[in-house]
Amino acid sequence: MVKMRPLHQKNGLLMTAMMREGYTIKSLAKASEVHYLTVWRIVNEQHKPNKTTKAKLCDLLNQTPKELGLE
């Protein structure tokens, strides 16, 4: 069951890194070959990424998982 969270709560570290590198949720999903909704859910802290997705996001954004708020 999905835990309800306020709509304004997002992963700010991930969003900042995305903006710095010029990515939107849609463009990051396409570049990382991950479904758009998966990236949206990670950004909106509805679930944590698996190892493969985490590695792809870190590589594209040139950050560690900790710097992106994924740990």
C-alpha atoms as a PDB file:
ATOM      1  CA  MET A   1       0.000   0.000   0.000  1.00  0.00           C
ATOM      2  CA  VAL A   2       1.289   3.469  -0.910  1.00  0.00           C
ATOM      3  CA  LYS A   3       2.010   5.698   2.050  1.00  0.00           C
ATOM      4  CA  MET A   4       0.202   9.027   1.711  1.00  0.00           C
ATOM      5  CA  ARG A   5       2.468  12.064   1.691  1.00  0.00           C
ATOM      6  CA  PRO A   6       1.867  15.756   1.175  1.00  0.00           C
ATOM      7  CA  LEU A   7       1.877  16.736  -2.494  1.00  0.00           C
ATOM      8  CA  HIS A   8       4.624  19.297  -1.940  1.00  0.00           C
ATOM      9  CA  GLN A   9       7.150  16.816  -0.503  1.00  0.00           C
ATOM     10  CA  LYS A  10       9.736  15.966  -3.143  1.00  0.00           C
ATOM     11  CA  ASN A  11      13.323  14.822  -3.200  1.00  0.00           C
ATOM     12  CA  GLY A  12      14.894  18.274  -3.353  1.00  0.00           C
ATOM     13  CA  LEU A  13      18.436  16.976  -3.800  1.00  0.00           C
ATOM     14  CA  LEU A  14      17.441  14.941  -6.834  1.00  0.00           C
ATOM     15  CA  MET A  15      15.389  17.791  -8.302  1.00  0.00           C
ATOM     16  CA  THR A  16      18.285  20.232  -7.865  1.00  0.00           C
ATOM     17  CA  ALA A  17      20.714  17.863  -9.593  1.00  0.00           C
ATOM     18  CA  MET A  18      18.225  17.330 -12.423  1.00  0.00           C
ATOM     19  CA  MET A  19      17.820  21.074 -12.969  1.00  0.00           C
ATOM     20  CA  ARG A  20      21.577  21.636 -12.786  1.00  0.00           C
ATOM     21  CA  GLU A  21      22.131  19.035 -15.536  1.00  0.00           C
ATOM     22  CA  GLY A  22      19.170  20.290 -17.575  1.00  0.00           C
ATOM     23  CA  TYR A  23      16.857  17.296 -17.106  1.00  0.00           C
ATOM     24  CA  THR A  24      13.133  17.142 -16.636  1.00  0.00           C
ATOM     25  CA  ILE A  25      11.490  14.015 -15.236  1.00  0.00           C
ATOM     26  CA  LYS A  26      10.565  12.981 -18.762  1.00  0.00           C
ATOM     27  CA  SER A  27      14.010  13.598 -20.269  1.00  0.00           C
ATOM     28  CA  LEU A  28      15.772  11.883 -17.362  1.00  0.00           C
ATOM     29  CA  ALA A  29      13.508   8.862 -17.765  1.00  0.00           C
ATOM     30  CA  LYS A  30      14.289   8.677 -21.467  1.00  0.00           C
ATOM     31  CA  ALA A  31      18.049   9.106 -20.973  1.00  0.00           C
ATOM     32  CA  SER A  32      18.176   6.475 -18.227  1.00  0.00           C
ATOM     33  CA  GLU A  33      15.848   4.091 -20.111  1.00  0.00           C
ATOM     34  CA  VAL A  34      13.537   3.957 -17.098  1.00  0.00           C
ATOM     35  CA  HIS A  35       9.776   4.422 -17.300  1.00  0.00           C
ATOM     36  CA  TYR A  36       8.580   7.990 -16.762  1.00  0.00           C
ATOM     37  CA  LEU A  37       6.348   6.984 -13.837  1.00  0.00           C
ATOM     38  CA  THR A  38       9.249   5.249 -12.097  1.00  0.00           C
ATOM     39  CA  VAL A  39      11.305   8.446 -12.166  1.00  0.00           C
ATOM     40  CA  TRP A  40       8.253  10.475 -11.100  1.00  0.00           C
ATOM     41  CA  ARG A  41       7.713   8.168  -8.121  1.00  0.00           C
ATOM     42  CA  ILE A  42      11.376   8.435  -7.105  1.00  0.00           C
ATOM     43  CA  VAL A  43      11.295  12.248  -7.332  1.00  0.00           C
ATOM     44  CA  ASN A  44       8.043  12.349  -5.350  1.00  0.00           C
ATOM     45  CA  GLU A  45       9.484   9.917  -2.770  1.00  0.00           C
ATOM     46  CA  GLN A  46       6.810   7.305  -3.355  1.00  0.00           C
ATOM     47  CA  HIS A  47       9.415   4.574  -3.646  1.00  0.00           C
ATOM     48  CA  LYS A  48      13.167   4.011  -3.622  1.00  0.00           C
ATOM     49  CA  PRO A  49      14.964   3.048  -6.834  1.00  0.00           C
ATOM     50  CA  ASN A  50      16.443  -0.413  -7.296  1.00  0.00           C
ATOM     51  CA  LYS A  51      20.229  -0.790  -7.688  1.00  0.00           C
ATOM     52  CA  THR A  52      20.201  -0.588 -11.480  1.00  0.00           C
ATOM     53  CA  THR A  53      18.000   2.495 -11.637  1.00  0.00           C
ATOM     54  CA  LYS A  54      19.972   4.171  -8.858  1.00  0.00           C
ATOM     55  CA  ALA A  55      23.231   3.553 -10.760  1.00  0.00           C
ATOM     56  CA  LYS A  56      21.765   4.979 -13.990  1.00  0.00           C
ATOM     57  CA  LEU A  57      20.504   8.128 -12.263  1.00  0.00           C
ATOM     58  CA  CYS A  58      23.802   8.663 -10.463  1.00  0.00           C
ATOM     59  CA  ASP A  59      25.789   8.255 -13.688  1.00  0.00           C
ATOM     60  CA  LEU A  60      23.600  10.688 -15.614  1.00  0.00           C
ATOM     61  CA  LEU A  61      23.583  13.288 -12.833  1.00  0.00           C
ATOM     62  CA  ASN A  62      27.267  12.838 -11.874  1.00  0.00           C
ATOM     63  CA  GLN A  63      26.405  12.403  -8.183  1.00  0.00           C
ATOM     64  CA  THR A  64      26.536   9.693  -5.535  1.00  0.00           C
ATOM     65  CA  PRO A  65      23.322   8.113  -4.214  1.00  0.00           C
ATOM     66  CA  LYS A  66      23.815   9.971  -0.943  1.00  0.00           C
ATOM     67  CA  GLU A  67      24.197  13.321  -2.728  1.00  0.00           C
ATOM     68  CA  LEU A  68      20.933  12.649  -4.587  1.00  0.00           C
ATOM     69  CA  GLY A  69      19.041  11.688  -1.426  1.00  0.00           C
ATOM     70  CA  LEU A  70      18.583   8.105  -2.614  1.00  0.00           C
ATOM     71  CA  GLU A  71      19.987   6.442   0.511  1.00  0.00           C
END
